[in-house]
Amino acid sequence: MPAPRTERPVRIGYARTSTARQELASQLEALHRAQCHKVFQEQISTRVKIRPEPEKALSLAHQFKEAAPETSVILTVHEL
């Protein structure tokens, strides 16, 4: 019988606001409490269809999975 997994998953966070007047601090704090290893953030309009930071987050998640396939990788978004 295989041993139970005891390692923590890799958690990657993403925070976004649509205007510079909105604050990211509450999202960043929540992602920190969720124990995200890396957090990507941006302030970009919802009208913009290409958002670079979530693409970077997904790319990092794929890199982790390729390097350690048995490790869970979780992408965490606090608010949309």
N, C-alpha and C. Protein backbone atom coordinates (compact mmCIF):
# COMPACT_ATOMS: atom_id res chain seq x y z
N MET A 1 0.86 -1.18 0.00
CA MET A 1 0.00 0.00 0.00
C MET A 1 0.90 1.24 0.00
N PRO A 2 0.66 2.20 -0.90
CA PRO A 2 1.50 3.40 -0.93
C PRO A 2 1.31 4.25 0.32
N ALA A 3 2.39 4.92 0.69
CA ALA A 3 2.34 5.79 1.87
C ALA A 3 1.48 7.02 1.57
N PRO A 4 0.77 7.53 2.57
CA PRO A 4 -0.04 8.73 2.33
C PRO A 4 0.86 9.92 2.04
N ARG A 5 0.36 10.82 1.18
CA ARG A 5 1.13 12.01 0.83
C ARG A 5 1.11 13.00 1.98
N THR A 6 2.27 13.49 2.31
CA THR A 6 2.37 14.44 3.42
C THR A 6 2.85 15.82 2.96
N GLU A 7 3.28 15.93 1.71
CA GLU A 7 3.78 17.22 1.24
C GLU A 7 2.63 18.19 0.96
N ARG A 8 2.92 19.45 1.18
CA ARG A 8 1.92 20.49 0.92
C ARG A 8 1.84 20.75 -0.58
N PRO A 9 0.67 21.10 -1.07
CA PRO A 9 0.58 21.46 -2.49
C PRO A 9 1.27 22.80 -2.74
N VAL A 10 1.68 23.01 -3.95
CA VAL A 10 2.20 24.30 -4.37
C VAL A 10 1.00 25.17 -4.70
N ARG A 11 0.91 26.32 -4.06
CA ARG A 11 -0.22 27.21 -4.28
C ARG A 11 0.28 28.50 -4.93
N ILE A 12 -0.31 28.83 -6.08
CA ILE A 12 0.03 30.04 -6.83
C ILE A 12 -1.19 30.95 -6.79
N GLY A 13 -0.97 32.23 -6.46
CA GLY A 13 -2.07 33.17 -6.33
C GLY A 13 -2.12 34.18 -7.47
N TYR A 14 -3.33 34.70 -7.68
CA TYR A 14 -3.53 35.76 -8.68
C TYR A 14 -4.50 36.78 -8.09
N ALA A 15 -4.10 38.05 -8.14
CA ALA A 15 -4.94 39.14 -7.65
C ALA A 15 -5.04 40.19 -8.75
N ARG A 16 -6.24 40.77 -8.91
CA ARG A 16 -6.44 41.77 -9.95
C ARG A 16 -7.48 42.78 -9.53
N THR A 17 -7.22 44.02 -9.89
CA THR A 17 -8.25 45.05 -9.83
C THR A 17 -8.31 45.68 -11.21
N SER A 18 -9.44 46.33 -11.50
CA SER A 18 -9.60 46.87 -12.84
C SER A 18 -9.20 48.34 -12.95
N THR A 19 -9.02 49.01 -11.83
CA THR A 19 -8.59 50.40 -11.88
C THR A 19 -7.51 50.64 -10.83
N ALA A 20 -6.72 51.67 -11.08
CA ALA A 20 -5.65 52.01 -10.14
C ALA A 20 -6.21 52.50 -8.81
N ARG A 21 -7.45 53.00 -8.80
CA ARG A 21 -8.05 53.49 -7.55
C ARG A 21 -8.46 52.35 -6.62
N GLN A 22 -8.68 51.17 -7.17
CA GLN A 22 -9.05 50.04 -6.33
C GLN A 22 -7.79 49.47 -5.68
N GLU A 23 -7.96 48.90 -4.50
CA GLU A 23 -6.80 48.40 -3.77
C GLU A 23 -6.67 46.89 -3.89
N LEU A 24 -5.44 46.45 -3.94
CA LEU A 24 -5.13 45.03 -4.01
C LEU A 24 -4.80 44.44 -2.65
N ALA A 25 -4.61 45.28 -1.65
CA ALA A 25 -4.10 44.83 -0.36
C ALA A 25 -4.93 43.71 0.26
N SER A 26 -6.25 43.81 0.22
CA SER A 26 -7.07 42.78 0.86
C SER A 26 -6.94 41.44 0.13
N GLN A 27 -6.85 41.48 -1.19
CA GLN A 27 -6.65 40.24 -1.95
C GLN A 27 -5.28 39.64 -1.66
N LEU A 28 -4.26 40.50 -1.64
CA LEU A 28 -2.91 40.01 -1.37
C LEU A 28 -2.80 39.41 0.02
N GLU A 29 -3.45 40.03 0.98
CA GLU A 29 -3.45 39.50 2.35
C GLU A 29 -4.14 38.13 2.40
N ALA A 30 -5.27 38.00 1.71
CA ALA A 30 -5.99 36.73 1.68
C ALA A 30 -5.15 35.64 1.01
N LEU A 31 -4.45 35.98 -0.05
CA LEU A 31 -3.60 35.00 -0.73
C LEU A 31 -2.40 34.63 0.14
N HIS A 32 -1.90 35.58 0.90
CA HIS A 32 -0.83 35.29 1.86
C HIS A 32 -1.34 34.32 2.93
N ARG A 33 -2.55 34.56 3.45
CA ARG A 33 -3.13 33.66 4.45
C ARG A 33 -3.38 32.27 3.88
N ALA A 34 -3.64 32.21 2.57
CA ALA A 34 -3.85 30.92 1.90
C ALA A 34 -2.53 30.20 1.63
N GLN A 35 -1.43 30.82 2.04
CA GLN A 35 -0.09 30.25 1.93
C GLN A 35 0.36 30.05 0.48
N CYS A 36 0.07 31.06 -0.35
CA CYS A 36 0.53 31.01 -1.73
C CYS A 36 2.04 31.19 -1.76
N HIS A 37 2.70 30.37 -2.54
CA HIS A 37 4.15 30.45 -2.67
C HIS A 37 4.56 31.62 -3.55
N LYS A 38 3.77 31.91 -4.56
CA LYS A 38 4.03 33.01 -5.49
C LYS A 38 2.69 33.65 -5.83
N VAL A 39 2.65 34.98 -5.85
CA VAL A 39 1.41 35.70 -6.17
C VAL A 39 1.68 36.62 -7.36
N PHE A 40 0.86 36.51 -8.37
CA PHE A 40 0.90 37.39 -9.52
C PHE A 40 -0.20 38.41 -9.34
N GLN A 41 0.09 39.67 -9.66
CA GLN A 41 -0.92 40.71 -9.46
C GLN A 41 -0.88 41.71 -10.61
N GLU A 42 -2.02 42.32 -10.87
CA GLU A 42 -2.08 43.36 -11.89
C GLU A 42 -3.30 44.24 -11.68
N GLN A 43 -3.18 45.42 -12.19
CA GLN A 43 -4.30 46.35 -12.23
C GLN A 43 -4.55 46.62 -13.70
N ILE A 44 -5.60 46.00 -14.22
CA ILE A 44 -5.87 46.04 -15.65
C ILE A 44 -7.38 46.00 -15.87
N SER A 45 -7.85 46.73 -16.84
CA SER A 45 -9.28 46.82 -17.12
C SER A 45 -9.86 45.47 -17.50
N THR A 46 -11.12 45.27 -17.14
CA THR A 46 -11.82 44.05 -17.55
C THR A 46 -12.03 44.02 -19.05
N ARG A 47 -11.93 45.15 -19.70
CA ARG A 47 -12.08 45.20 -21.17
C ARG A 47 -10.88 44.66 -21.91
N VAL A 48 -9.73 44.62 -21.24
CA VAL A 48 -8.53 44.08 -21.87
C VAL A 48 -8.64 42.56 -21.91
N LYS A 49 -8.54 42.00 -23.08
CA LYS A 49 -8.74 40.55 -23.24
C LYS A 49 -7.48 39.74 -22.98
N ILE A 50 -6.31 40.33 -23.18
CA ILE A 50 -5.06 39.62 -22.94
C ILE A 50 -4.48 40.13 -21.63
N ARG A 51 -4.39 39.25 -20.67
CA ARG A 51 -3.87 39.61 -19.35
C ARG A 51 -2.60 38.80 -19.10
N PRO A 52 -1.47 39.47 -19.01
CA PRO A 52 -0.20 38.73 -18.91
C PRO A 52 0.01 37.98 -17.60
N GLU A 53 -0.47 38.52 -16.50
CA GLU A 53 -0.16 37.89 -15.20
C GLU A 53 -0.82 36.52 -15.01
N PRO A 54 -2.09 36.32 -15.38
CA PRO A 54 -2.62 34.96 -15.24
C PRO A 54 -1.92 33.97 -16.17
N GLU A 55 -1.48 34.46 -17.32
CA GLU A 55 -0.72 33.58 -18.22
C GLU A 55 0.59 33.15 -17.56
N LYS A 56 1.26 34.09 -16.88
CA LYS A 56 2.49 33.75 -16.17
C LYS A 56 2.21 32.77 -15.04
N ALA A 57 1.10 32.96 -14.34
CA ALA A 57 0.74 32.06 -13.24
C ALA A 57 0.50 30.64 -13.77
N LEU A 58 -0.22 30.52 -14.86
CA LEU A 58 -0.48 29.20 -15.44
C LEU A 58 0.81 28.56 -15.96
N SER A 59 1.67 29.36 -16.53
CA SER A 59 2.95 28.84 -17.01
C SER A 59 3.78 28.28 -15.85
N LEU A 60 3.81 29.01 -14.74
CA LEU A 60 4.53 28.53 -13.57
C LEU A 60 3.91 27.24 -13.03
N ALA A 61 2.59 27.17 -13.02
CA ALA A 61 1.91 25.95 -12.57
C ALA A 61 2.31 24.76 -13.44
N HIS A 62 2.36 24.96 -14.75
CA HIS A 62 2.77 23.88 -15.65
C HIS A 62 4.23 23.47 -15.40
N GLN A 63 5.08 24.45 -15.11
CA GLN A 63 6.48 24.14 -14.83
C GLN A 63 6.61 23.29 -13.57
N PHE A 64 5.84 23.63 -12.54
CA PHE A 64 5.87 22.83 -11.30
C PHE A 64 5.39 21.41 -11.58
N LYS A 65 4.32 21.26 -12.34
CA LYS A 65 3.78 19.93 -12.63
C LYS A 65 4.76 19.09 -13.44
N GLU A 66 5.46 19.72 -14.37
CA GLU A 66 6.45 18.98 -15.15
C GLU A 66 7.63 18.54 -14.28
N ALA A 67 8.04 19.41 -13.36
CA ALA A 67 9.19 19.10 -12.51
C ALA A 67 8.84 18.08 -11.43
N ALA A 68 7.62 18.13 -10.92
CA ALA A 68 7.20 17.23 -9.83
C ALA A 68 5.76 16.80 -10.07
N PRO A 69 5.53 15.83 -10.95
CA PRO A 69 4.17 15.45 -11.33
C PRO A 69 3.28 14.98 -10.18
N GLU A 70 3.88 14.46 -9.10
CA GLU A 70 3.08 13.97 -7.99
C GLU A 70 2.62 15.08 -7.04
N THR A 71 3.18 16.26 -7.20
CA THR A 71 2.84 17.38 -6.32
C THR A 71 1.62 18.10 -6.85
N SER A 72 0.68 18.36 -5.98
CA SER A 72 -0.51 19.12 -6.37
C SER A 72 -0.13 20.58 -6.55
N VAL A 73 -0.68 21.20 -7.59
CA VAL A 73 -0.47 22.62 -7.86
C VAL A 73 -1.85 23.27 -7.91
N ILE A 74 -2.05 24.28 -7.09
CA ILE A 74 -3.36 24.93 -6.97
C ILE A 74 -3.22 26.40 -7.35
N LEU A 75 -4.04 26.84 -8.30
CA LEU A 75 -4.09 28.26 -8.66
C LEU A 75 -5.24 28.88 -7.88
N THR A 76 -4.93 29.88 -7.08
CA THR A 76 -5.91 30.49 -6.17
C THR A 76 -6.17 31.92 -6.61
N VAL A 77 -7.45 32.23 -6.84
CA VAL A 77 -7.88 33.58 -7.17
C VAL A 77 -8.85 34.00 -6.07
N HIS A 78 -8.52 35.07 -5.36
CA HIS A 78 -9.36 35.48 -4.24
C HIS A 78 -10.65 36.13 -4.70
N GLU A 79 -10.58 37.06 -5.62
CA GLU A 79 -11.77 37.76 -6.12
C GLU A 79 -11.65 37.96 -7.61
N LEU A 80 -12.78 38.05 -8.26
CA LEU A 80 -12.80 38.42 -9.67
C LEU A 80 -13.48 39.75 -9.81
